[in-house]
Protein backbone atom coordinates (compact mmCIF):
# COMPACT_ATOMS: atom_id res chain seq x y z
CA MET A 1 97.38 -25.10 -137.36
CA ASP A 2 95.20 -26.36 -139.16
CA ASN A 3 91.31 -26.94 -138.20
CA GLY A 4 91.51 -30.98 -136.67
CA LEU A 5 94.80 -30.37 -135.09
CA GLU A 6 93.85 -27.55 -133.15
CA GLN A 7 90.33 -28.59 -132.34
CA ALA A 8 92.14 -31.69 -131.06
CA LEU A 9 94.25 -29.50 -128.70
CA ARG A 10 91.59 -27.55 -127.91
CA ARG A 11 89.79 -30.83 -126.63
CA TRP A 12 92.46 -32.74 -124.69
CA LEU A 13 94.52 -29.25 -123.71
CA ALA A 14 92.71 -28.49 -120.72
CA PRO A 15 92.33 -32.12 -119.39
CA ALA A 16 95.52 -33.31 -120.25
CA GLY A 17 97.19 -30.91 -118.01
CA LEU A 18 94.11 -30.84 -115.14
CA VAL A 19 95.10 -34.70 -115.20
CA VAL A 20 98.82 -33.44 -115.15
CA VAL A 21 98.42 -31.20 -112.35
CA CYS A 22 96.48 -33.67 -110.21
CA ALA A 23 98.77 -36.57 -110.72
CA LEU A 24 101.68 -34.13 -109.19
CA VAL A 25 99.42 -32.78 -106.44
CA LEU A 26 98.77 -36.64 -105.55
CA LEU A 27 102.37 -37.67 -105.90
CA GLY A 28 103.04 -35.64 -102.65
CA ALA A 29 99.84 -36.37 -101.02
CA SER A 30 101.04 -38.65 -98.18
CA PRO A 31 101.14 -37.32 -95.09
CA ALA A 32 104.80 -36.09 -93.19
CA SER A 33 105.45 -34.61 -90.44
CA ALA A 34 107.90 -31.45 -90.20
CA HIS A 35 111.18 -31.93 -90.92
CA ALA A 36 113.20 -36.19 -90.30
CA ILE A 37 113.93 -36.59 -87.01
CA LEU A 38 115.26 -40.10 -85.57
CA GLU A 39 112.10 -41.54 -83.00
CA ARG A 40 113.46 -44.52 -81.84
CA SER A 41 116.20 -46.87 -82.61
CA THR A 42 117.00 -50.94 -82.10
CA PRO A 43 119.48 -51.13 -80.31
CA ALA A 44 118.16 -48.05 -78.04
CA ALA A 45 121.11 -45.63 -77.77
CA ASP A 46 123.76 -45.94 -74.68
CA ALA A 47 121.88 -49.55 -74.71
CA VAL A 48 124.24 -51.90 -73.65
CA LEU A 49 123.46 -55.49 -74.57
CA ARG A 50 124.01 -59.22 -73.52
CA ALA A 51 124.25 -60.52 -76.39
CA PRO A 52 125.17 -59.22 -80.57
CA PRO A 53 122.55 -57.45 -82.48
CA THR A 54 122.36 -59.05 -86.17
CA SER A 55 121.02 -55.76 -87.35
CA VAL A 56 120.69 -51.64 -86.48
CA ASP A 57 117.22 -50.08 -87.50
CA LEU A 58 116.32 -46.89 -87.16
CA VAL A 59 112.71 -45.42 -87.15
CA PHE A 60 111.67 -41.80 -88.12
CA ASP A 61 108.61 -38.96 -87.74
CA GLU A 62 108.61 -39.47 -91.73
CA GLY A 63 109.40 -41.01 -94.91
CA ILE A 64 112.29 -40.95 -95.97
CA SER A 65 115.27 -41.75 -98.86
CA LEU A 66 117.70 -44.28 -98.46
CA LEU A 67 121.61 -43.64 -99.65
CA PRO A 68 123.69 -46.84 -100.51
CA ASP A 69 125.70 -46.38 -97.69
CA SER A 70 122.76 -44.12 -95.47
CA VAL A 71 123.88 -46.43 -92.51
CA ARG A 72 126.90 -47.41 -90.95
CA VAL A 73 128.36 -49.78 -88.14
CA PHE A 74 131.95 -48.81 -86.91
CA GLY A 75 133.09 -51.69 -83.78
CA PRO A 76 135.11 -50.61 -80.70
CA ASP A 77 138.58 -50.58 -83.16
CA GLY A 78 136.91 -48.45 -85.43
CA SER A 79 136.74 -51.16 -88.41
CA GLU A 80 133.00 -50.63 -90.41
CA VAL A 81 131.03 -53.95 -88.98
CA ASP A 82 127.77 -53.59 -91.18
CA ASP A 83 126.86 -55.51 -94.32
CA ARG A 84 126.38 -52.32 -96.33
CA HIS A 85 122.66 -53.74 -97.57
CA VAL A 86 120.67 -50.70 -96.57
CA VAL A 87 116.89 -51.11 -96.62
CA HIS A 88 113.38 -49.99 -95.36
CA ALA A 89 112.66 -52.48 -92.79
CA GLY A 90 109.56 -54.39 -93.38
CA GLY A 91 109.07 -51.68 -96.40
CA VAL A 92 108.39 -49.21 -94.56
CA ALA A 93 109.43 -45.56 -95.93
CA ALA A 94 109.99 -44.18 -92.26
CA SER A 95 112.40 -46.74 -91.61
CA ALA A 96 116.32 -47.80 -92.18
CA ALA A 97 118.25 -50.33 -91.47
CA VAL A 98 120.92 -52.36 -92.04
CA GLY A 99 122.74 -56.11 -90.87
CA LEU A 100 125.64 -56.62 -89.08
CA ARG A 101 128.48 -59.06 -90.19
CA GLY A 102 130.51 -61.35 -88.58
CA SER A 103 131.29 -62.37 -84.69
CA LEU A 104 131.13 -58.93 -82.40
CA ALA A 105 133.56 -58.08 -79.93
CA LYS A 106 132.33 -56.80 -76.41
CA GLY A 107 132.64 -52.65 -76.54
CA THR A 108 131.38 -49.82 -77.45
CA TYR A 109 129.82 -49.52 -81.55
CA LEU A 110 128.96 -46.28 -82.97
CA VAL A 111 126.21 -45.82 -85.86
CA SER A 112 126.08 -43.17 -87.70
CA TYR A 113 123.34 -42.27 -90.35
CA ARG A 114 123.08 -40.31 -93.14
CA VAL A 115 118.87 -40.24 -95.03
CA ILE A 116 116.80 -37.72 -97.00
CA SER A 117 113.85 -36.56 -95.53
CA ALA A 118 110.71 -35.74 -97.50
CA ASP A 119 111.81 -32.21 -98.33
CA SER A 120 114.71 -33.47 -99.87
CA HIS A 121 117.26 -32.32 -97.00
CA PRO A 122 120.13 -34.94 -95.76
CA VAL A 123 119.68 -35.53 -92.07
CA SER A 124 122.67 -37.08 -90.33
CA GLY A 125 123.64 -38.11 -87.09
CA ALA A 126 125.21 -40.64 -84.73
CA TYR A 127 124.85 -42.29 -81.54
CA THR A 128 126.44 -45.40 -79.54
CA PHE A 129 125.70 -48.95 -78.49
CA SER A 130 127.66 -51.25 -76.37
CA ILE A 131 127.87 -55.22 -75.96
CA GLY A 132 128.61 -56.41 -73.09
CA HIS A 133 130.24 -53.21 -71.62
CA ARG A 134 131.50 -49.66 -73.01
CA SER A 135 134.73 -49.24 -73.79
CA THR A 136 136.24 -45.83 -75.67
CA PRO A 137 133.96 -45.25 -78.57
CA PRO A 138 134.93 -44.86 -82.11
CA ALA A 139 135.09 -41.36 -83.20
CA ALA A 140 132.59 -39.53 -85.19
CA ALA A 141 133.45 -38.50 -88.47
CA SER A 142 132.03 -35.44 -89.47
CA PRO A 143 129.00 -35.22 -91.75
CA SER A 144 130.86 -34.48 -95.18
CA ARG A 145 129.89 -32.18 -97.84
CA SER A 146 131.18 -30.24 -100.70
CA THR A 147 131.13 -26.46 -101.28
CA THR A 148 131.28 -26.52 -104.93
CA VAL A 149 128.14 -29.11 -105.06
CA ASP A 150 126.46 -26.83 -102.95
CA LEU A 151 126.67 -23.58 -104.71
CA ALA A 152 125.99 -25.54 -108.00
CA LEU A 153 122.88 -26.70 -107.06
CA GLY A 154 122.09 -23.30 -105.58
CA ALA A 155 123.06 -21.96 -109.47
CA ALA A 156 120.87 -24.54 -110.59
CA ARG A 157 118.09 -23.51 -107.81
CA TRP A 158 118.27 -19.87 -109.52
CA LEU A 159 118.26 -20.86 -113.04
CA THR A 160 115.17 -22.76 -112.59
CA TYR A 161 113.11 -19.91 -111.02
CA ALA A 162 114.64 -17.14 -113.42
CA GLY A 163 113.84 -19.50 -116.30
CA SER A 164 110.42 -20.14 -114.73
CA ALA A 165 109.42 -16.00 -114.77
CA LEU A 166 111.34 -15.65 -118.53
CA GLY A 167 110.20 -18.58 -120.29
CA LEU A 168 106.40 -19.16 -118.27
CA GLY A 169 105.89 -15.42 -117.28
CA GLY A 170 107.26 -14.02 -120.59
CA LEU A 171 104.36 -16.72 -122.72
CA ALA A 172 101.80 -15.74 -120.44
CA PHE A 173 102.55 -11.67 -120.75
CA LEU A 174 102.53 -12.17 -124.94
CA ALA A 175 99.59 -14.65 -124.75
CA TRP A 176 97.48 -13.04 -122.11
CA PHE A 177 98.41 -9.04 -122.40
CA TRP A 178 100.35 -8.43 -125.56
CA PRO A 179 99.75 -11.08 -128.60
CA ALA A 180 101.09 -7.92 -131.08
CA GLY A 181 104.24 -8.44 -128.95
CA TRP A 182 105.68 -12.12 -130.67
CA SER A 183 106.71 -9.59 -133.43
CA SER A 184 109.49 -8.33 -131.64
CA ARG A 185 112.55 -9.97 -131.97
CA ARG A 186 113.56 -9.34 -128.29
CA VAL A 187 110.85 -10.54 -127.08
CA ARG A 188 111.15 -14.10 -128.27
CA SER A 189 114.54 -14.38 -127.31
CA LEU A 190 113.91 -13.73 -123.48
CA VAL A 191 111.10 -16.25 -123.78
CA ASN A 192 113.62 -18.47 -125.50
CA ALA A 193 116.18 -17.95 -123.19
CA GLY A 194 113.93 -18.19 -120.14
CA THR A 195 113.01 -21.41 -121.63
CA GLY A 196 116.26 -23.01 -122.04
CA SER A 197 117.41 -21.50 -118.53
CA LEU A 198 114.70 -23.17 -117.11
CA LEU A 199 115.97 -27.03 -118.96
CA VAL A 200 119.60 -26.45 -118.00
CA GLY A 201 118.30 -25.69 -114.38
CA THR A 202 116.19 -29.13 -113.79
CA PHE A 203 118.84 -31.36 -115.38
CA LEU A 204 121.97 -29.68 -113.22
CA ALA A 205 119.46 -30.24 -110.61
CA LEU A 206 118.85 -33.61 -111.22
CA ALA A 207 122.55 -34.22 -111.68
CA LEU A 208 123.77 -32.74 -108.37
CA LYS A 209 121.42 -34.03 -106.17
CA GLY A 210 122.62 -37.44 -105.83
CA PRO A 211 126.22 -35.90 -105.09
CA TYR A 212 124.64 -32.91 -102.34
CA ASP A 213 122.58 -35.94 -100.72
CA GLY A 214 126.08 -38.16 -100.33
CA GLY A 215 127.99 -34.76 -99.29
CA LEU A 216 130.41 -36.06 -102.42
CA GLY A 217 132.05 -33.61 -105.09
CA LEU A 218 131.08 -33.08 -108.30
CA ALA A 219 132.73 -36.12 -109.88
CA HIS A 220 130.48 -38.24 -108.31
CA VAL A 221 128.00 -36.67 -110.72
CA SER A 222 128.15 -39.55 -113.28
CA ASP A 223 127.23 -42.41 -110.67
CA GLY A 224 125.03 -43.87 -112.01
CA ASP A 225 123.86 -45.46 -108.32
CA LEU A 226 123.36 -42.12 -106.93
CA PHE A 227 121.05 -40.90 -110.03
CA ARG A 228 119.16 -43.94 -109.79
CA GLU A 229 118.77 -43.00 -106.25
CA VAL A 230 117.47 -39.60 -106.88
CA LEU A 231 115.20 -40.70 -110.04
CA GLY A 232 113.29 -43.12 -107.24
CA THR A 233 112.47 -40.23 -104.63
CA THR A 234 109.82 -37.69 -105.07
CA TYR A 235 112.32 -35.23 -106.00
CA GLY A 236 113.37 -37.17 -109.45
CA ARG A 237 109.84 -37.78 -110.18
CA ALA A 238 108.66 -34.02 -110.07
CA LEU A 239 111.93 -32.72 -112.11
CA ASP A 240 111.36 -35.62 -114.46
CA ALA A 241 107.84 -34.56 -114.89
CA ARG A 242 108.90 -30.96 -115.06
CA LEU A 243 111.61 -32.08 -118.11
CA LEU A 244 107.90 -33.48 -119.85
CA LEU A 245 106.47 -30.23 -119.04
CA LEU A 246 109.21 -28.27 -120.59
CA ALA A 247 109.41 -31.05 -123.76
CA VAL A 248 105.20 -29.73 -124.30
CA LEU A 249 106.67 -26.00 -123.58
CA ILE A 250 109.06 -25.99 -126.47
CA LEU A 251 106.75 -27.76 -128.95
CA LEU A 252 104.68 -24.85 -127.79
CA LEU A 253 107.18 -22.07 -128.72
CA THR A 254 107.67 -23.63 -131.84
CA TYR A 255 104.46 -24.08 -133.22
CA ARG A 256 102.58 -20.91 -131.51
CA GLU A 257 101.98 -19.13 -135.24
CA ARG A 258 99.97 -22.48 -136.02
CA VAL A 259 98.08 -22.48 -132.74
CA SER A 260 94.93 -19.83 -131.69
CA ARG A 261 95.30 -17.44 -129.45
CA ARG A 262 92.56 -18.70 -127.11
CA VAL A 263 94.86 -21.92 -127.13
CA LEU A 264 98.02 -20.40 -126.65
CA ALA A 265 96.18 -18.91 -123.46
CA GLY A 266 94.75 -21.62 -121.95
CA ALA A 267 98.35 -23.85 -122.24
CA ALA A 268 100.41 -20.66 -120.62
CA GLY A 269 97.84 -21.39 -117.86
CA LEU A 270 97.85 -24.78 -117.57
CA LEU A 271 101.90 -24.99 -117.51
CA LEU A 272 102.50 -22.20 -115.47
CA LEU A 273 100.01 -24.39 -113.03
CA ALA A 274 102.06 -27.40 -113.36
CA VAL A 275 105.57 -26.59 -113.47
CA GLY A 276 105.11 -24.60 -110.06
CA VAL A 277 103.81 -28.13 -108.57
CA THR A 278 107.03 -29.59 -109.52
CA PHE A 279 108.60 -26.77 -107.90
CA ALA A 280 106.35 -27.42 -104.30
CA LEU A 281 107.01 -31.06 -104.81
CA CYS A 282 111.24 -30.40 -104.90
CA GLY A 283 110.83 -27.95 -101.41
CA HIS A 284 109.50 -27.99 -97.72
CA ALA A 285 105.95 -27.96 -99.03
CA ALA A 286 107.00 -31.61 -100.06
CA ALA A 287 106.78 -32.45 -96.21
CA GLY A 288 105.14 -31.44 -92.85
CA GLY A 289 102.22 -30.93 -91.72
CA HIS A 290 99.02 -30.43 -94.48
CA ARG A 291 100.71 -31.26 -97.00
CA PRO A 292 98.36 -30.70 -99.80
CA LEU A 293 97.48 -27.04 -99.13
CA ALA A 294 101.22 -26.63 -98.58
CA ILE A 295 101.79 -28.07 -102.03
CA ALA A 296 98.60 -25.55 -103.90
CA SER A 297 99.98 -22.78 -101.42
CA ASP A 298 103.71 -22.98 -103.26
CA THR A 299 102.61 -23.89 -106.45
CA ALA A 300 100.45 -20.84 -106.25
CA HIS A 301 102.97 -19.03 -105.22
CA VAL A 302 105.56 -20.30 -107.89
CA ALA A 303 103.23 -19.28 -110.47
CA ALA A 304 102.47 -15.54 -109.13
CA MET A 305 106.10 -14.89 -108.83
CA SER A 306 106.37 -15.83 -112.35
CA VAL A 307 103.53 -13.78 -114.24
CA TRP A 308 104.61 -10.97 -111.87
CA LEU A 309 109.04 -10.81 -112.45
CA GLY A 310 108.22 -11.89 -116.23
CA GLY A 311 105.53 -9.31 -116.97
CA LEU A 312 107.49 -6.86 -115.64
CA VAL A 313 111.46 -7.78 -117.87
CA VAL A 314 109.12 -7.37 -120.77
CA LEU A 315 107.94 -4.39 -120.16
CA ALA A 316 111.00 -3.15 -118.81
CA SER A 317 113.09 -4.32 -122.07
CA VAL A 318 110.79 -3.83 -124.50
CA VAL A 319 107.49 -2.29 -123.77
CA LEU A 320 108.88 0.87 -121.98
CA ARG A 321 111.85 1.26 -123.94
CA ALA A 322 112.90 4.75 -124.62
CA ASP A 323 111.40 4.80 -128.05
CA ALA A 324 108.04 3.26 -127.00
CA SER A 325 105.17 4.78 -128.18
CA PRO A 326 102.80 5.55 -125.33
CA GLU A 327 99.58 4.94 -127.53
CA VAL A 328 101.29 0.84 -127.89
CA ALA A 329 102.16 0.77 -124.36
CA VAL A 330 99.37 2.16 -122.40
CA PRO A 331 96.81 -0.57 -122.90
CA VAL A 332 99.22 -3.14 -122.92
CA ILE A 333 100.58 -1.72 -119.38
CA GLY A 334 97.22 -1.58 -118.05
CA ARG A 335 95.76 -4.80 -118.79
CA PHE A 336 98.83 -6.37 -117.11
CA SER A 337 98.27 -4.09 -113.96
CA THR A 338 95.48 -5.89 -112.85
CA VAL A 339 96.63 -9.07 -113.21
CA ALA A 340 99.97 -8.01 -111.73
CA THR A 341 98.04 -6.72 -108.86
CA ALA A 342 96.34 -10.20 -108.23
CA SER A 343 99.74 -11.89 -108.32
CA VAL A 344 101.23 -9.70 -105.71
CA CYS A 345 98.08 -10.22 -103.48
CA VAL A 346 98.56 -14.25 -103.89
CA LEU A 347 102.50 -14.15 -103.60
CA VAL A 348 101.33 -12.04 -100.16
CA ALA A 349 99.06 -14.66 -99.00
CA THR A 350 101.04 -17.37 -100.13
CA GLY A 351 104.23 -16.25 -98.52
CA THR A 352 102.61 -15.79 -95.27
CA TYR A 353 101.32 -18.89 -95.32
CA GLN A 354 104.71 -20.62 -95.72
CA ALA A 355 106.68 -18.43 -93.07
CA LEU A 356 103.86 -19.28 -90.58
CA ARG A 357 104.16 -22.81 -91.26
CA GLU A 358 107.72 -23.16 -91.60
CA VAL A 359 108.76 -20.60 -88.55
CA ARG A 360 106.47 -21.18 -85.20
CA SER A 361 108.54 -18.57 -83.32
CA TRP A 362 110.48 -15.49 -83.06
CA ASP A 363 112.75 -16.92 -81.26
CA VAL A 364 113.28 -19.57 -84.30
CA LEU A 365 113.08 -16.34 -86.89
CA PHE A 366 115.79 -14.42 -85.59
CA GLU A 367 118.16 -17.41 -84.35
CA THR A 368 118.55 -19.86 -87.50
CA HIS A 369 120.21 -19.36 -90.54
CA TYR A 370 116.42 -20.54 -92.41
CA GLY A 371 115.20 -17.46 -90.42
CA HIS A 372 117.97 -15.53 -91.19
CA VAL A 373 117.85 -15.88 -95.08
CA LEU A 374 113.77 -15.29 -94.45
CA LEU A 375 114.38 -11.97 -93.07
CA VAL A 376 116.32 -10.89 -96.02
CA LYS A 377 113.95 -12.28 -98.71
CA LEU A 378 111.41 -10.10 -97.05
CA TRP A 379 113.27 -6.34 -97.46
CA PHE A 380 113.34 -7.40 -100.64
CA VAL A 381 110.01 -7.92 -100.86
CA VAL A 382 109.13 -4.66 -99.08
CA VAL A 383 111.38 -3.11 -101.19
CA ALA A 384 109.19 -5.06 -104.89
CA LEU A 385 106.23 -3.75 -103.30
CA GLY A 386 107.05 -0.37 -102.65
CA ALA A 387 107.96 0.08 -106.14
CA ALA A 388 104.99 -2.01 -107.01
CA LEU A 389 102.71 1.13 -105.38
CA GLY A 390 104.34 3.53 -107.36
CA SER A 391 103.71 1.45 -110.55
CA ARG A 392 100.10 1.06 -109.65
CA ALA A 393 99.97 4.75 -109.37
CA TRP A 394 101.33 5.41 -112.41
CA VAL A 395 98.59 3.62 -114.05
CA TRP A 396 95.59 4.51 -112.22
CA GLN A 397 96.87 8.57 -112.77
CA THR A 398 97.07 7.09 -116.70
CA THR A 399 93.73 5.29 -116.60
CA HIS A 400 92.09 8.14 -114.95
CA PRO A 401 93.33 11.98 -116.18
CA VAL A 402 92.88 14.96 -114.24
CA VAL A 403 89.63 16.33 -115.10
CA ALA A 404 88.80 20.62 -114.92
CA VAL A 405 85.69 22.46 -114.25
CA ASN A 406 84.86 24.88 -116.37
CA ALA A 407 82.64 28.40 -115.13
CA ALA A 408 79.80 26.53 -116.48
CA THR A 409 80.65 23.43 -114.00
CA THR A 410 81.03 21.43 -117.20
CA ALA A 411 83.56 18.70 -116.17
CA THR A 412 85.85 18.80 -119.04
CA PRO A 413 89.44 16.86 -119.43
CA VAL A 414 92.66 18.62 -119.16
CA ALA A 415 94.51 18.72 -122.31
CA ALA A 416 96.94 15.10 -122.80
CA GLY A 417 99.35 15.57 -121.34
CA ALA A 418 98.78 18.47 -118.85
CA GLY A 419 99.41 16.12 -115.33
CA THR A 420 99.57 13.01 -117.36
CA PRO A 421 102.55 10.60 -115.94
CA THR A 422 105.29 9.88 -118.35
CA LEU A 423 106.82 6.52 -119.61
CA ARG A 424 110.45 7.41 -117.71
CA SER A 425 108.98 7.38 -114.11
CA LEU A 426 106.84 4.19 -114.80
CA ARG A 427 110.71 3.07 -116.09
CA THR A 428 112.18 3.82 -113.28
CA SER A 429 109.78 1.86 -110.31
CA VAL A 430 109.34 -1.02 -112.91
CA GLY A 431 113.32 -1.34 -113.12
CA VAL A 432 113.21 -1.12 -109.13
CA GLU A 433 110.46 -4.05 -109.19
CA SER A 434 112.78 -6.20 -111.18
CA LEU A 435 115.78 -5.58 -109.76
CA ALA A 436 114.15 -6.48 -106.20
CA LEU A 437 112.30 -9.71 -107.48
CA VAL A 438 115.96 -11.09 -109.15
CA GLY A 439 117.16 -10.24 -105.15
CA VAL A 440 113.81 -11.98 -103.97
CA LEU A 441 114.54 -15.51 -106.75
CA VAL A 442 118.38 -15.39 -105.34
CA VAL A 443 117.20 -15.89 -101.33
CA SER A 444 114.59 -18.01 -102.12
CA ALA A 445 117.54 -20.43 -103.75
CA LEU A 446 119.40 -20.35 -100.65
CA LEU A 447 115.86 -20.98 -98.55
CA VAL A 448 115.07 -23.74 -100.70
CA SER A 449 118.54 -25.33 -99.91
CA SER A 450 118.56 -24.39 -96.07
CA ASN A 451 116.88 -26.53 -93.25
CA PRO A 452 113.22 -24.89 -92.13
CA ALA A 453 113.15 -23.33 -88.91
CA ARG A 454 112.06 -26.10 -86.94
CA PRO A 455 113.14 -26.42 -83.05
CA PRO A 456 116.62 -27.35 -82.55
CA VAL A 457 118.08 -30.62 -82.25
CA VAL A 458 121.18 -32.17 -81.30
CA SER A 459 123.10 -32.46 -84.10
CA SER A 460 124.56 -35.58 -83.49
CA ALA A 461 125.75 -37.74 -80.10
CA VAL A 462 128.80 -36.95 -78.18
CA SER A 463 130.64 -39.77 -77.17
CA THR A 464 134.04 -37.99 -74.67
CA THR A 465 135.74 -38.34 -72.16
CA VAL A 466 137.34 -35.52 -69.86
CA THR A 467 139.54 -35.39 -67.10
CA ALA A 468 138.07 -33.80 -64.02
CA GLY A 469 140.67 -33.55 -61.25
CA PRO A 470 142.64 -36.59 -60.24
CA ASP A 471 139.06 -38.49 -61.85
CA THR A 472 138.07 -39.07 -65.61
CA VAL A 473 134.68 -38.36 -66.88
CA ARG A 474 132.99 -40.27 -69.74
CA VAL A 475 130.38 -38.31 -71.25
CA SER A 476 127.37 -39.63 -73.82
CA ALA A 477 125.11 -37.06 -74.93
CA VAL A 478 122.26 -38.45 -77.65
CA PRO A 479 119.47 -36.42 -79.15
CA ALA A 480 116.07 -37.37 -77.50
CA GLY A 481 114.19 -35.65 -79.46
CA PRO A 482 113.60 -31.55 -80.66
CA GLN A 483 115.14 -29.41 -77.91
CA ARG A 484 116.29 -32.55 -75.96
CA VAL A 485 119.39 -33.78 -74.53
CA SER A 486 119.66 -37.17 -73.11
CA LEU A 487 122.77 -37.09 -70.57
CA ARG A 488 124.88 -40.63 -69.31
CA LEU A 489 127.96 -39.33 -66.93
CA GLN A 490 130.36 -42.20 -66.18
CA VAL A 491 133.23 -41.17 -63.15
CA LEU A 492 136.44 -43.19 -63.70
CA ASP A 493 139.26 -43.34 -61.02
CA ALA A 494 143.11 -43.16 -62.85
CA GLN A 495 142.83 -46.88 -63.34
CA GLY A 496 139.46 -46.91 -65.33
CA HIS A 497 137.45 -48.21 -62.78
CA ARG A 498 134.33 -46.36 -61.56
CA VAL A 499 134.21 -44.14 -58.32
CA GLU A 500 131.76 -42.58 -56.40
CA PRO A 501 132.55 -38.95 -55.73
CA ARG A 502 130.90 -37.12 -53.23
CA GLU A 503 128.66 -35.25 -55.79
CA VAL A 504 128.36 -34.69 -60.10
CA ASP A 505 126.61 -31.47 -60.91
CA ALA A 506 125.99 -30.67 -64.68
CA SER A 507 125.50 -27.54 -66.92
CA PHE A 508 124.64 -26.19 -70.09
CA SER A 509 125.69 -22.71 -71.43
CA LEU A 510 125.32 -21.14 -74.54
CA SER A 511 127.84 -18.21 -74.15
CA ALA A 512 127.24 -16.62 -77.93
CA HIS A 513 123.37 -15.34 -76.66
CA ASP A 514 124.41 -15.12 -72.71
CA VAL A 515 122.28 -18.30 -71.56
CA GLY A 516 123.10 -20.34 -68.65
CA PRO A 517 124.10 -21.97 -66.63
CA LEU A 518 121.18 -24.51 -67.04
CA PRO A 519 121.30 -27.08 -63.94
CA VAL A 520 120.54 -30.48 -65.44
CA THR A 521 118.64 -32.46 -62.90
CA LEU A 522 120.92 -36.07 -62.58
CA THR A 523 119.33 -39.31 -61.32
CA LYS A 524 122.34 -42.16 -59.64
CA ASP A 525 121.88 -44.49 -60.97
CA GLY A 526 124.90 -47.07 -60.14
CA PRO A 527 128.76 -46.45 -58.86
CA GLY A 528 129.72 -43.23 -60.47
CA LEU A 529 126.77 -43.24 -62.77
CA ARG A 530 124.76 -40.51 -63.10
CA THR A 531 121.85 -39.51 -65.96
CA GLY A 532 119.62 -37.18 -66.71
CA HIS A 533 117.73 -34.80 -69.41
CA ALA A 534 118.50 -31.56 -70.68
CA SER A 535 116.57 -28.98 -72.90
CA LEU A 536 118.03 -27.28 -75.17
CA PRO A 537 116.35 -24.04 -76.79
CA LEU A 538 118.28 -22.41 -78.90
CA SER A 539 121.15 -23.79 -81.72
CA GLY A 540 124.37 -23.38 -81.30
CA HIS A 541 127.61 -24.99 -79.34
CA TRP A 542 126.18 -25.21 -76.23
CA GLN A 543 129.01 -26.02 -73.21
CA LEU A 544 128.50 -28.68 -70.60
CA ALA A 545 130.21 -27.90 -67.81
CA ILE A 546 130.54 -31.24 -65.39
CA THR A 547 131.86 -30.57 -61.90
CA VAL A 548 132.77 -33.65 -60.03
CA ARG A 549 133.69 -33.08 -56.04
CA THR A 550 135.51 -35.68 -54.18
CA SER A 551 135.52 -34.00 -50.62
CA ALA A 552 133.57 -30.66 -49.08
CA ILE A 553 136.64 -28.74 -50.24
CA ASP A 554 137.99 -30.28 -52.97
CA GLU A 555 136.54 -30.13 -56.45
CA ALA A 556 137.53 -30.36 -60.17
CA THR A 557 135.24 -28.93 -63.31
CA ALA A 558 135.33 -30.53 -67.16
CA TYR A 559 133.85 -28.94 -70.01
CA THR A 560 132.55 -30.10 -73.57
CA ASP A 561 130.62 -28.59 -76.12
CA VAL A 562 127.48 -30.27 -77.55
CA PRO A 563 126.42 -28.19 -81.27
CA VAL A 564 122.53 -28.31 -81.42
CA GLY A 565 121.57 -26.91 -84.66
């Protein structure tokens, strides 16, 4: 590289990288809570209105992104009555509103919503309200999803993690520890393959996000409206920034022979941090308390993982080959070992912080999908750390050879090879480390797509009618916050008229975990009408038992399920 260009790079590379990192952090620095939860709605859940409303307004506990059909409203006959124009009410990011069209008939209406929370996960639910009087509510459709899109997006995320390790981690290894390694075609191929994987994975993650959010199939990858919605989110802007950073990486690799070692080393470090921020903004760090700290922690986590795994792959595939020379390999291994140890410490510290941030209790850890996946990741991490200890012991023995004491008490080194560990033993531990970390990457891709292990909430409103002896009971179970459900029971006779029984009891049970029955305290709010609240502390399909007593000896019990997750 000519002197003018190199001087310009030295002058502007560090400030530009700092600006990129700061801009990306500030991009995600607005406050947010753990996961988008519906706080209130207008009309309220289970409300009976005298006059038809003109719109449905929802307010969540954090900023959300909207899809073209994020809020839908269905009338008593099942027809859609909203105007399909969903907006943030008053420009407030934590709200969603849709207008209602035409003259609305009396009866019960169903509101179904699907929004995107700050951590990029879709959040869906439903509830009912009535105009004039209650009627049989329209059926609530189950949230749609495409298994193919889910798997494809998970594969794309794995490609980005693996690409970061091989591309950026490999670049850092060569720039920091082994500049002579650029002469190896195999090493260059690894770094180029990693860069390509990161590029392809980022493109796929950007294209698949729209169908994933909307619960649609692969055919909707080319949907322009969905793509524009994604580009307007923090997730989309972070991936756009990553593509720009990858363009810089590709240029750097293309012209590396014309760049000094100092500039190349500095560029590798800045790219590791900047790309790490884009990973943080696409995951759980983008939501929740202490958001800037979480983003910084996630950034360090990804960067440390890339340095550790990328270095291990280069070691295992090139430096520690069977025909490798110890005179060449040992100094490289010694230099990498110090930074690898620091990377492990960073990974343990940031990983512990993230786990404590996402998992607030042992019950949640063992009773949720997120907790189960996290436990699998911890198992892989323990294996990797065990192998890393073996590798570190090898380095220590190599750099601190056994010393013998002669008769004159003069310390002399033992002859080379006597007690000095071989490259083959290190090759084994490095291979185990690498495989374990590949497993960590697979599980990490699953963690990013899993909802955080927060206290369980009722998945959606339940509106149904069950039979209890000669009577029927109209049941409404509406989410009332984390671990809470609002219950409304209406007892009707064979003609559909309200009837006042002698007693009504209700309880919840979760047979899968041998919990319950948990009785519900019911309040009489009119003839045949009972209301109450219950706390459901675990995820699963809770069974609601409703017992109606019509005399001292006559009673009947009906059952229905309330999903909590």
